[in-house]
Amino acid sequence: MPLLNSKEISILITTFNRKQELIFTLNALREVIADEGIYIWDDASTDSTFEYISSEYPEINIFQNTVNKGLIANRNQLMQAAPTEYVLSLDDDAHFLNPEELEKAMSFMQENLNCAVLSFRLFWGLQKPASQKTSENTYQVSNFLGGAHLMRKSSWDNFITSYPEWYHFYGEEDYAAMKLFRAEQMVFYFPKVLVHHRVSLKNRKKSAEETSLRTQWALQAAWSNYLIFYPKQKAWFKIMYSIKEQFRLKFLKGEFSILMSICKAGLALIQNRRRRQKLDIRFSNEKLNAYLSLSQAPVFWNPKLSSN
């Protein structure tokens, strides 16, 4: 019998042209949840992902875009499709190493009604970590990991409602976390649950063009979050400081393409001005300081740095 009740929780996965990785993940989920509790959004894959999953996993809820819409749009669609009070977001190339700990995650959410999100411990690598032990404790954080978290659906419905699709690829989790913080909802790092992200950072090198585009998206998202949530003077100070750091860390070291990324990110700020103006959700200085006092959720867990 699966560990999780599909009437209480759904697992959400976005995918694009990663059929084999997705199959691995789905097989790893067999003991975690019944197939009807899994929701997949295929972003117009060309590797027959949709056809294969529909045929081989008929109980899984899989949807497909006719054109590629991007990660954030897919996550919005999945959140709208999920019918349960709790949702687990998982990357298509990731799986749980200790799924039995998910029951503790569910208990934590049920016992702490102001907890909106649990961000899990994440190990990156092609092979499993040599040790899964950690001495880390659960603590409140300022953000969460998009591909490894548990969220209360009512918190999404009441306080987030949608990720900003015009961010394209980055920054939507920070946006959501700041909306939750403003609403007195809490995000916690929950290291008891360990997720294996089956990628090699060394092998995952991007082309110069893709690196430039992703840098543009990252800058655009970060700057947009500053302008939406920070008091105006502090927002522009953060943006100018960010530009200065890009020049120091990249331009002065010969990465001249950063100029194009900065210019395009700036143009996107202008183009999306009206979208930002519709959001009246700036922090007060006191609220911002309280938010910034929180630690960020760890992105990379290293067993060598965690005592047994």
C-alpha atoms as a PDB file:
ATOM      1  CA  MET A   1       0.000   0.000   0.000  1.00  0.00           C
ATOM      2  CA  PRO A   2       1.420   3.433  -0.928  1.00  0.00           C
ATOM      3  CA  LEU A   3       2.724   5.657   1.852  1.00  0.00           C
ATOM      4  CA  LEU A   4       0.611   8.680   0.904  1.00  0.00           C
ATOM      5  CA  ASN A   5      -3.144   8.972   0.452  1.00  0.00           C
ATOM      6  CA  SER A   6      -3.898  10.342  -3.024  1.00  0.00           C
ATOM      7  CA  LYS A   7      -7.119  11.865  -1.685  1.00  0.00           C
ATOM      8  CA  GLU A   8      -5.082  14.108   0.623  1.00  0.00           C
ATOM      9  CA  ILE A   9      -1.983  14.858  -1.436  1.00  0.00           C
ATOM     10  CA  SER A  10      -0.950  15.114  -5.084  1.00  0.00           C
ATOM     11  CA  ILE A  11       2.529  14.934  -6.624  1.00  0.00           C
ATOM     12  CA  LEU A  12       3.114  17.514  -9.368  1.00  0.00           C
ATOM     13  CA  ILE A  13       5.768  17.133 -12.074  1.00  0.00           C
ATOM     14  CA  THR A  14       6.559  19.338 -15.059  1.00  0.00           C
ATOM     15  CA  THR A  15       8.519  17.784 -17.915  1.00  0.00           C
ATOM     16  CA  PHE A  16      10.032  18.582 -21.279  1.00  0.00           C
ATOM     17  CA  ASN A  17      11.928  16.046 -23.412  1.00  0.00           C
ATOM     18  CA  ARG A  18      13.142  13.952 -20.478  1.00  0.00           C
ATOM     19  CA  LYS A  19      11.175  10.762 -21.013  1.00  0.00           C
ATOM     20  CA  GLN A  20      13.744   8.361 -19.591  1.00  0.00           C
ATOM     21  CA  GLU A  21      14.374  10.474 -16.497  1.00  0.00           C
ATOM     22  CA  LEU A  22      10.646  10.820 -15.962  1.00  0.00           C
ATOM     23  CA  ILE A  23      10.131   7.044 -16.231  1.00  0.00           C
ATOM     24  CA  PHE A  24      12.817   6.511 -13.568  1.00  0.00           C
ATOM     25  CA  THR A  25      11.088   9.022 -11.286  1.00  0.00           C
ATOM     26  CA  LEU A  26       7.649   7.459 -11.783  1.00  0.00           C
ATOM     27  CA  ASN A  27       8.947   3.991 -11.003  1.00  0.00           C
ATOM     28  CA  ALA A  28      10.543   5.367  -7.825  1.00  0.00           C
ATOM     29  CA  LEU A  29       7.148   6.775  -6.817  1.00  0.00           C
ATOM     30  CA  ARG A  30       5.289   3.452  -7.018  1.00  0.00           C
ATOM     31  CA  GLU A  31       5.540   2.852  -3.269  1.00  0.00           C
ATOM     32  CA  VAL A  32       4.982   6.510  -2.431  1.00  0.00           C
ATOM     33  CA  ILE A  33       1.578   7.236  -3.946  1.00  0.00           C
ATOM     34  CA  ALA A  34      -0.993   5.612  -6.246  1.00  0.00           C
ATOM     35  CA  ASP A  35      -0.719   6.631  -9.899  1.00  0.00           C
ATOM     36  CA  GLU A  36      -3.954   8.624  -9.759  1.00  0.00           C
ATOM     37  CA  GLY A  37      -2.260  10.950  -7.273  1.00  0.00           C
ATOM     38  CA  ILE A  38       0.406  11.986  -9.808  1.00  0.00           C
ATOM     39  CA  TYR A  39      -0.139  14.996 -12.080  1.00  0.00           C
ATOM     40  CA  ILE A  40       2.258  15.651 -14.975  1.00  0.00           C
ATOM     41  CA  TRP A  41       2.344  18.621 -17.344  1.00  0.00           C
ATOM     42  CA  ASP A  42       4.239  17.908 -20.552  1.00  0.00           C
ATOM     43  CA  ASP A  43       5.490  21.145 -22.104  1.00  0.00           C
ATOM     44  CA  ALA A  44       5.102  20.089 -25.762  1.00  0.00           C
ATOM     45  CA  SER A  45       7.823  17.418 -25.656  1.00  0.00           C
ATOM     46  CA  THR A  46       9.014  15.986 -28.969  1.00  0.00           C
ATOM     47  CA  ASP A  47      10.351  12.692 -27.553  1.00  0.00           C
ATOM     48  CA  SER A  48       6.916  10.968 -27.283  1.00  0.00           C
ATOM     49  CA  THR A  49       6.737  11.551 -23.527  1.00  0.00           C
ATOM     50  CA  PHE A  50       3.000  12.200 -23.549  1.00  0.00           C
ATOM     51  CA  GLU A  51       2.160   9.172 -25.693  1.00  0.00           C
ATOM     52  CA  TYR A  52       4.351   6.818 -23.676  1.00  0.00           C
ATOM     53  CA  ILE A  53       3.114   7.896 -20.242  1.00  0.00           C
ATOM     54  CA  SER A  54      -0.512   7.861 -21.403  1.00  0.00           C
ATOM     55  CA  SER A  55      -0.062   4.285 -22.641  1.00  0.00           C
ATOM     56  CA  GLU A  56       2.133   2.770 -19.932  1.00  0.00           C
ATOM     57  CA  TYR A  57       0.745   4.663 -16.915  1.00  0.00           C
ATOM     58  CA  PRO A  58      -2.957   5.069 -17.756  1.00  0.00           C
ATOM     59  CA  GLU A  59      -3.956   6.050 -14.201  1.00  0.00           C
ATOM     60  CA  ILE A  60      -1.568   9.004 -14.087  1.00  0.00           C
ATOM     61  CA  ASN A  61      -3.062  12.423 -14.830  1.00  0.00           C
ATOM     62  CA  ILE A  62      -0.978  13.791 -17.697  1.00  0.00           C
ATOM     63  CA  PHE A  63      -1.636  16.972 -19.658  1.00  0.00           C
ATOM     64  CA  GLN A  64       0.189  18.394 -22.656  1.00  0.00           C
ATOM     65  CA  ASN A  65       0.741  21.852 -24.107  1.00  0.00           C
ATOM     66  CA  THR A  66       0.513  22.198 -27.880  1.00  0.00           C
ATOM     67  CA  VAL A  67       3.335  24.773 -27.717  1.00  0.00           C
ATOM     68  CA  ASN A  68       6.133  25.198 -25.218  1.00  0.00           C
ATOM     69  CA  LYS A  69       5.004  27.611 -22.490  1.00  0.00           C
ATOM     70  CA  GLY A  70       7.829  27.301 -19.993  1.00  0.00           C
ATOM     71  CA  LEU A  71       8.308  25.912 -16.507  1.00  0.00           C
ATOM     72  CA  ILE A  72       6.404  28.565 -14.563  1.00  0.00           C
ATOM     73  CA  ALA A  73       3.290  28.361 -16.748  1.00  0.00           C
ATOM     74  CA  ASN A  74       3.275  24.590 -16.305  1.00  0.00           C
ATOM     75  CA  ARG A  75       3.494  24.903 -12.533  1.00  0.00           C
ATOM     76  CA  ASN A  76       0.533  27.275 -12.534  1.00  0.00           C
ATOM     77  CA  GLN A  77      -1.486  24.812 -14.589  1.00  0.00           C
ATOM     78  CA  LEU A  78      -0.596  21.939 -12.270  1.00  0.00           C
ATOM     79  CA  MET A  79      -1.582  23.917  -9.187  1.00  0.00           C
ATOM     80  CA  GLN A  80      -4.957  24.612 -10.758  1.00  0.00           C
ATOM     81  CA  ALA A  81      -5.410  20.933 -11.652  1.00  0.00           C
ATOM     82  CA  ALA A  82      -4.461  19.504  -8.245  1.00  0.00           C
ATOM     83  CA  PRO A  83      -7.616  18.646  -6.245  1.00  0.00           C
ATOM     84  CA  THR A  84      -6.011  17.939  -2.857  1.00  0.00           C
ATOM     85  CA  GLU A  85      -5.198  20.044   0.216  1.00  0.00           C
ATOM     86  CA  TYR A  86      -1.480  19.200  -0.037  1.00  0.00           C
ATOM     87  CA  VAL A  87       0.759  19.157  -3.100  1.00  0.00           C
ATOM     88  CA  LEU A  88       4.297  17.842  -3.548  1.00  0.00           C
ATOM     89  CA  SER A  89       6.314  19.508  -6.297  1.00  0.00           C
ATOM     90  CA  LEU A  90       9.053  17.320  -7.755  1.00  0.00           C
ATOM     91  CA  ASP A  91      11.432  17.718 -10.696  1.00  0.00           C
ATOM     92  CA  ASP A  92      11.158  15.069 -13.405  1.00  0.00           C
ATOM     93  CA  ASP A  93      14.762  14.011 -12.736  1.00  0.00           C
ATOM     94  CA  ALA A  94      14.450  13.713  -8.964  1.00  0.00           C
ATOM     95  CA  HIS A  95      13.134  11.160  -6.468  1.00  0.00           C
ATOM     96  CA  PHE A  96      12.878  10.604  -2.717  1.00  0.00           C
ATOM     97  CA  LEU A  97      15.673   8.670  -1.027  1.00  0.00           C
ATOM     98  CA  ASN A  98      13.753   8.237   2.232  1.00  0.00           C
ATOM     99  CA  PRO A  99      10.073   8.469   1.276  1.00  0.00           C
ATOM    100  CA  GLU A 100       8.962   7.147   4.662  1.00  0.00           C
ATOM    101  CA  GLU A 101       9.910  10.574   6.066  1.00  0.00           C
ATOM    102  CA  LEU A 102       7.131  12.162   4.002  1.00  0.00           C
ATOM    103  CA  GLU A 103       4.661  11.033   6.645  1.00  0.00           C
ATOM    104  CA  LYS A 104       6.546  13.196   9.164  1.00  0.00           C
ATOM    105  CA  ALA A 105       6.374  16.103   6.737  1.00  0.00           C
ATOM    106  CA  MET A 106       2.614  15.701   6.491  1.00  0.00           C
ATOM    107  CA  SER A 107       2.311  15.529  10.280  1.00  0.00           C
ATOM    108  CA  PHE A 108       4.379  18.701  10.642  1.00  0.00           C
ATOM    109  CA  MET A 109       2.060  20.568   8.259  1.00  0.00           C
ATOM    110  CA  GLN A 110      -1.048  19.307  10.071  1.00  0.00           C
ATOM    111  CA  GLU A 111       0.344  20.314  13.464  1.00  0.00           C
ATOM    112  CA  ASN A 112       1.536  23.765  12.307  1.00  0.00           C
ATOM    113  CA  LEU A 113      -1.387  25.439  10.581  1.00  0.00           C
ATOM    114  CA  ASN A 114       0.583  28.599   9.751  1.00  0.00           C
ATOM    115  CA  CYS A 115       3.138  26.528   7.816  1.00  0.00           C
ATOM    116  CA  ALA A 116       2.485  26.967   4.101  1.00  0.00           C
ATOM    117  CA  VAL A 117       5.544  25.237   2.610  1.00  0.00           C
ATOM    118  CA  LEU A 118       8.213  22.717   3.558  1.00  0.00           C
ATOM    119  CA  SER A 119      11.406  22.866   1.488  1.00  0.00           C
ATOM    120  CA  PHE A 120      13.260  19.560   1.422  1.00  0.00           C
ATOM    121  CA  ARG A 121      16.934  18.616   1.608  1.00  0.00           C
ATOM    122  CA  LEU A 122      18.318  18.222  -1.915  1.00  0.00           C
ATOM    123  CA  PHE A 123      21.337  16.218  -3.037  1.00  0.00           C
ATOM    124  CA  TRP A 124      22.741  16.836  -6.534  1.00  0.00           C
ATOM    125  CA  GLY A 125      24.667  14.084  -8.296  1.00  0.00           C
ATOM    126  CA  LEU A 126      24.422  11.123 -10.636  1.00  0.00           C
ATOM    127  CA  GLN A 127      25.004   8.661  -7.791  1.00  0.00           C
ATOM    128  CA  LYS A 128      23.339   8.465  -4.395  1.00  0.00           C
ATOM    129  CA  PRO A 129      25.171  10.174  -1.518  1.00  0.00           C
ATOM    130  CA  ALA A 130      27.490   7.964   0.479  1.00  0.00           C
ATOM    131  CA  SER A 131      25.498   8.842   3.602  1.00  0.00           C
ATOM    132  CA  GLN A 132      21.963  10.130   4.031  1.00  0.00           C
ATOM    133  CA  LYS A 133      22.383  11.144   7.668  1.00  0.00           C
ATOM    134  CA  THR A 134      22.165  14.748   8.778  1.00  0.00           C
ATOM    135  CA  SER A 135      22.221  16.617  12.073  1.00  0.00           C
ATOM    136  CA  GLU A 136      20.235  19.517  10.625  1.00  0.00           C
ATOM    137  CA  ASN A 137      17.032  20.642  12.289  1.00  0.00           C
ATOM    138  CA  THR A 138      13.838  22.093  10.876  1.00  0.00           C
ATOM    139  CA  TYR A 139      13.848  25.918  10.831  1.00  0.00           C
ATOM    140  CA  GLN A 140      12.030  28.824   9.225  1.00  0.00           C
ATOM    141  CA  VAL A 141      13.478  30.092   5.938  1.00  0.00           C
ATOM    142  CA  SER A 142      12.807  32.897   3.475  1.00  0.00           C
ATOM    143  CA  ASN A 143      12.328  30.766   0.336  1.00  0.00           C
ATOM    144  CA  PHE A 144      11.847  27.235  -0.958  1.00  0.00           C
ATOM    145  CA  LEU A 145      13.064  24.963  -3.761  1.00  0.00           C
ATOM    146  CA  GLY A 146      10.663  24.704  -6.688  1.00  0.00           C
ATOM    147  CA  GLY A 147      11.416  21.069  -7.469  1.00  0.00           C
ATOM    148  CA  ALA A 148      11.469  19.669  -3.943  1.00  0.00           C
ATOM    149  CA  HIS A 149       8.774  21.026  -1.651  1.00  0.00           C
ATOM    150  CA  LEU A 150       5.439  20.316   0.019  1.00  0.00           C
ATOM    151  CA  MET A 151       2.802  23.079  -0.089  1.00  0.00           C
ATOM    152  CA  ARG A 152      -0.560  23.587   1.549  1.00  0.00           C
ATOM    153  CA  LYS A 153      -2.978  24.152  -1.356  1.00  0.00           C
ATOM    154  CA  SER A 154      -5.203  26.520   0.619  1.00  0.00           C
ATOM    155  CA  SER A 155      -2.171  28.768   1.201  1.00  0.00           C
ATOM    156  CA  TRP A 156      -1.636  28.861  -2.552  1.00  0.00           C
ATOM    157  CA  ASP A 157      -5.293  29.613  -3.225  1.00  0.00           C
ATOM    158  CA  ASN A 158      -5.583  32.321  -0.585  1.00  0.00           C
ATOM    159  CA  PHE A 159      -2.215  34.068  -0.706  1.00  0.00           C
ATOM    160  CA  ILE A 160      -0.289  33.225  -3.899  1.00  0.00           C
ATOM    161  CA  THR A 161      -2.933  32.386  -6.574  1.00  0.00           C
ATOM    162  CA  SER A 162      -0.337  32.160  -9.378  1.00  0.00           C
ATOM    163  CA  TYR A 163       3.348  32.379 -10.138  1.00  0.00           C
ATOM    164  CA  PRO A 164       4.352  35.306 -12.425  1.00  0.00           C
ATOM    165  CA  GLU A 165       4.751  33.620 -15.808  1.00  0.00           C
ATOM    166  CA  TRP A 166       6.577  36.646 -17.177  1.00  0.00           C
ATOM    167  CA  TYR A 167       9.523  35.631 -14.941  1.00  0.00           C
ATOM    168  CA  HIS A 168      10.081  32.755 -17.437  1.00  0.00           C
ATOM    169  CA  PHE A 169      12.362  30.444 -15.439  1.00  0.00           C
ATOM    170  CA  TYR A 170      13.653  31.882 -12.138  1.00  0.00           C
ATOM    171  CA  GLY A 171      12.420  33.798  -9.117  1.00  0.00           C
ATOM    172  CA  GLU A 172       8.869  32.494  -8.834  1.00  0.00           C
ATOM    173  CA  GLU A 173       9.574  30.667  -5.563  1.00  0.00           C
ATOM    174  CA  ASP A 174      10.991  33.837  -3.983  1.00  0.00           C
ATOM    175  CA  TYR A 175       7.947  35.753  -5.216  1.00  0.00           C
ATOM    176  CA  ALA A 176       5.611  33.191  -3.647  1.00  0.00           C
ATOM    177  CA  ALA A 177       7.607  33.028  -0.405  1.00  0.00           C
ATOM    178  CA  MET A 178       7.481  36.806   0.009  1.00  0.00           C
ATOM    179  CA  LYS A 179       3.719  36.832  -0.584  1.00  0.00           C
ATOM    180  CA  LEU A 180       3.363  34.145   2.063  1.00  0.00           C
ATOM    181  CA  PHE A 181       5.570  36.020   4.531  1.00  0.00           C
ATOM    182  CA  ARG A 182       3.509  39.158   4.023  1.00  0.00           C
ATOM    183  CA  ALA A 183       0.404  37.117   4.889  1.00  0.00           C
ATOM    184  CA  GLU A 184       2.010  35.756   8.096  1.00  0.00           C
ATOM    185  CA  GLN A 185       2.420  32.313   6.523  1.00  0.00           C
ATOM    186  CA  MET A 186       5.645  30.419   7.205  1.00  0.00           C
ATOM    187  CA  VAL A 187       8.108  28.431   5.090  1.00  0.00           C
ATOM    188  CA  PHE A 188      10.348  25.851   6.736  1.00  0.00           C
ATOM    189  CA  TYR A 189      13.426  23.918   5.699  1.00  0.00           C
ATOM    190  CA  PHE A 190      12.592  20.273   6.464  1.00  0.00           C
ATOM    191  CA  PRO A 191      15.792  18.210   6.161  1.00  0.00           C
ATOM    192  CA  LYS A 192      14.226  14.932   7.285  1.00  0.00           C
ATOM    193  CA  VAL A 193      13.062  14.380   3.681  1.00  0.00           C
ATOM    194  CA  LEU A 194      15.969  13.862   1.269  1.00  0.00           C
ATOM    195  CA  VAL A 195      15.504  14.278  -2.487  1.00  0.00           C
ATOM    196  CA  HIS A 196      18.049  13.019  -5.015  1.00  0.00           C
ATOM    197  CA  HIS A 197      18.374  15.360  -8.013  1.00  0.00           C
ATOM    198  CA  ARG A 198      19.998  13.059 -10.558  1.00  0.00           C
ATOM    199  CA  VAL A 199      22.180  15.563 -12.393  1.00  0.00           C
ATOM    200  CA  SER A 200      25.859  16.338 -12.706  1.00  0.00           C
ATOM    201  CA  LEU A 201      26.587  20.024 -12.286  1.00  0.00           C
ATOM    202  CA  LYS A 202      29.852  19.556 -14.170  1.00  0.00           C
ATOM    203  CA  ASN A 203      28.125  17.948 -17.145  1.00  0.00           C
ATOM    204  CA  ARG A 204      25.220  20.389 -17.148  1.00  0.00           C
ATOM    205  CA  LYS A 205      27.077  23.128 -18.956  1.00  0.00           C
ATOM    206  CA  LYS A 206      24.981  25.403 -21.119  1.00  0.00           C
ATOM    207  CA  SER A 207      25.799  26.993 -24.441  1.00  0.00           C
ATOM    208  CA  ALA A 208      26.921  30.620 -24.339  1.00  0.00           C
ATOM    209  CA  GLU A 209      23.572  31.678 -25.776  1.00  0.00           C
ATOM    210  CA  GLU A 210      21.553  29.739 -23.202  1.00  0.00           C
ATOM    211  CA  THR A 211      23.771  30.957 -20.354  1.00  0.00           C
ATOM    212  CA  SER A 212      23.195  34.545 -21.449  1.00  0.00           C
ATOM    213  CA  LEU A 213      19.439  34.005 -21.653  1.00  0.00           C
ATOM    214  CA  ARG A 214      19.247  32.379 -18.232  1.00  0.00           C
ATOM    215  CA  THR A 215      21.297  35.199 -16.734  1.00  0.00           C
ATOM    216  CA  GLN A 216      18.851  37.675 -18.253  1.00  0.00           C
ATOM    217  CA  TRP A 217      15.891  35.794 -16.770  1.00  0.00           C
ATOM    218  CA  ALA A 218      17.551  35.538 -13.345  1.00  0.00           C
ATOM    219  CA  LEU A 219      18.293  39.262 -13.260  1.00  0.00           C
ATOM    220  CA  GLN A 220      14.836  40.177 -14.509  1.00  0.00           C
ATOM    221  CA  ALA A 221      13.148  38.026 -11.851  1.00  0.00           C
ATOM    222  CA  ALA A 222      15.330  39.289  -9.002  1.00  0.00           C
ATOM    223  CA  TRP A 223      14.873  42.925 -10.014  1.00  0.00           C
ATOM    224  CA  SER A 224      11.114  42.437 -10.387  1.00  0.00           C
ATOM    225  CA  ASN A 225      10.890  40.973  -6.894  1.00  0.00           C
ATOM    226  CA  TYR A 226      12.787  43.979  -5.516  1.00  0.00           C
ATOM    227  CA  LEU A 227      10.421  46.416  -7.222  1.00  0.00           C
ATOM    228  CA  ILE A 228       7.309  44.504  -6.118  1.00  0.00           C
ATOM    229  CA  PHE A 229       8.186  43.873  -2.475  1.00  0.00           C
ATOM    230  CA  TYR A 230      10.935  46.287  -1.350  1.00  0.00           C
ATOM    231  CA  PRO A 231      10.401  49.952  -0.462  1.00  0.00           C
ATOM    232  CA  LYS A 232      11.215  51.903  -3.650  1.00  0.00           C
ATOM    233  CA  GLN A 233      14.518  53.422  -2.548  1.00  0.00           C
ATOM    234  CA  LYS A 234      15.830  50.075  -1.317  1.00  0.00           C
ATOM    235  CA  ALA A 235      14.592  48.319  -4.449  1.00  0.00           C
ATOM    236  CA  TRP A 236      16.554  50.592  -6.776  1.00  0.00           C
ATOM    237  CA  PHE A 237      19.601  50.394  -4.509  1.00  0.00           C
ATOM    238  CA  LYS A 238      19.499  46.582  -4.783  1.00  0.00           C
ATOM    239  CA  ILE A 239      19.155  46.741  -8.561  1.00  0.00           C
ATOM    240  CA  MET A 240      22.098  49.133  -8.959  1.00  0.00           C
ATOM    241  CA  TYR A 241      24.201  47.017  -6.611  1.00  0.00           C
ATOM    242  CA  SER A 242      23.289  43.927  -8.643  1.00  0.00           C
ATOM    243  CA  ILE A 243      24.436  45.616 -11.859  1.00  0.00           C
ATOM    244  CA  LYS A 244      27.701  46.690 -10.236  1.00  0.00           C
ATOM    245  CA  GLU A 245      28.348  43.126  -9.092  1.00  0.00           C
ATOM    246  CA  GLN A 246      27.679  41.742 -12.572  1.00  0.00           C
ATOM    247  CA  PHE A 247      30.299  44.105 -13.953  1.00  0.00           C
ATOM    248  CA  ARG A 248      32.783  43.181 -11.225  1.00  0.00           C
ATOM    249  CA  LEU A 249      32.296  39.429 -11.351  1.00  0.00           C
ATOM    250  CA  LYS A 250      31.725  38.948 -15.078  1.00  0.00           C
ATOM    251  CA  PHE A 251      32.430  41.914 -17.363  1.00  0.00           C
ATOM    252  CA  LEU A 252      35.818  42.676 -15.851  1.00  0.00           C
ATOM    253  CA  LYS A 253      36.736  39.006 -16.263  1.00  0.00           C
ATOM    254  CA  GLY A 254      35.979  39.007 -19.975  1.00  0.00           C
ATOM    255  CA  GLU A 255      32.343  37.870 -19.980  1.00  0.00           C
ATOM    256  CA  PHE A 256      31.204  40.733 -22.183  1.00  0.00           C
ATOM    257  CA  SER A 257      27.880  39.065 -22.993  1.00  0.00           C
ATOM    258  CA  ILE A 258      26.702  40.188 -19.557  1.00  0.00           C
ATOM    259  CA  LEU A 259      26.060  43.617 -21.077  1.00  0.00           C
ATOM    260  CA  MET A 260      23.384  42.168 -23.337  1.00  0.00           C
ATOM    261  CA  SER A 261      21.824  40.233 -20.453  1.00  0.00           C
ATOM    262  CA  ILE A 262      21.675  43.386 -18.309  1.00  0.00           C
ATOM    263  CA  CYS A 263      20.158  45.457 -21.122  1.00  0.00           C
ATOM    264  CA  LYS A 264      17.522  42.845 -21.956  1.00  0.00           C
ATOM    265  CA  ALA A 265      16.651  42.384 -18.286  1.00  0.00           C
ATOM    266  CA  GLY A 266      16.251  46.152 -17.981  1.00  0.00           C
ATOM    267  CA  LEU A 267      14.025  46.252 -21.058  1.00  0.00           C
ATOM    268  CA  ALA A 268      11.872  43.495 -19.569  1.00  0.00           C
ATOM    269  CA  LEU A 269      11.443  45.596 -16.417  1.00  0.00           C
ATOM    270  CA  ILE A 270      10.029  48.408 -18.545  1.00  0.00           C
ATOM    271  CA  GLN A 271       7.783  46.073 -20.548  1.00  0.00           C
ATOM    272  CA  ASN A 272       6.337  44.495 -17.394  1.00  0.00           C
ATOM    273  CA  ARG A 273       5.845  47.723 -15.473  1.00  0.00           C
ATOM    274  CA  ARG A 274       2.051  47.568 -15.614  1.00  0.00           C
ATOM    275  CA  ARG A 275       2.032  44.020 -14.305  1.00  0.00           C
ATOM    276  CA  ARG A 276       4.041  45.123 -11.278  1.00  0.00           C
ATOM    277  CA  GLN A 277       1.883  48.189 -10.683  1.00  0.00           C
ATOM    278  CA  LYS A 278      -1.186  45.974 -10.272  1.00  0.00           C
ATOM    279  CA  LEU A 279       0.458  44.474  -7.178  1.00  0.00           C
ATOM    280  CA  ASP A 280       0.282  46.660  -4.079  1.00  0.00           C
ATOM    281  CA  ILE A 281       2.291  44.405  -1.801  1.00  0.00           C
ATOM    282  CA  ARG A 282       5.425  46.305  -0.747  1.00  0.00           C
ATOM    283  CA  PHE A 283       6.902  45.441   2.622  1.00  0.00           C
ATOM    284  CA  SER A 284       7.294  48.118   5.235  1.00  0.00           C
ATOM    285  CA  ASN A 285      10.907  48.666   6.289  1.00  0.00           C
ATOM    286  CA  GLU A 286      10.207  46.734   9.480  1.00  0.00           C
ATOM    287  CA  LYS A 287       8.617  43.833   7.593  1.00  0.00           C
ATOM    288  CA  LEU A 288      11.459  43.742   5.079  1.00  0.00           C
ATOM    289  CA  ASN A 289      14.068  43.606   7.839  1.00  0.00           C
ATOM    290  CA  ALA A 290      12.196  40.728   9.464  1.00  0.00           C
ATOM    291  CA  TYR A 291      12.086  38.870   6.147  1.00  0.00           C
ATOM    292  CA  LEU A 292      15.775  39.467   5.423  1.00  0.00           C
ATOM    293  CA  SER A 293      16.708  38.177   8.880  1.00  0.00           C
ATOM    294  CA  LEU A 294      15.613  34.679   7.833  1.00  0.00           C
ATOM    295  CA  SER A 295      18.079  32.183   6.393  1.00  0.00           C
ATOM    296  CA  GLN A 296      17.632  30.933   2.853  1.00  0.00           C
ATOM    297  CA  ALA A 297      16.725  27.313   2.192  1.00  0.00           C
ATOM    298  CA  PRO A 298      19.849  25.337   1.235  1.00  0.00           C
ATOM    299  CA  VAL A 299      20.000  24.500  -2.480  1.00  0.00           C
ATOM    300  CA  PHE A 300      22.842  21.970  -2.364  1.00  0.00           C
ATOM    301  CA  TRP A 301      23.158  19.493   0.497  1.00  0.00           C
ATOM    302  CA  ASN A 302      26.658  18.109   0.981  1.00  0.00           C
ATOM    303  CA  PRO A 303      26.900  15.008   3.202  1.00  0.00           C
ATOM    304  CA  LYS A 304      30.579  15.785   3.852  1.00  0.00           C
ATOM    305  CA  LEU A 305      29.558  18.978   5.632  1.00  0.00           C
ATOM    306  CA  SER A 306      26.801  17.346   7.660  1.00  0.00           C
ATOM    307  CA  SER A 307      27.837  15.501  10.796  1.00  0.00           C
ATOM    308  CA  ASN A 308      26.508  11.965  11.186  1.00  0.00           C
END
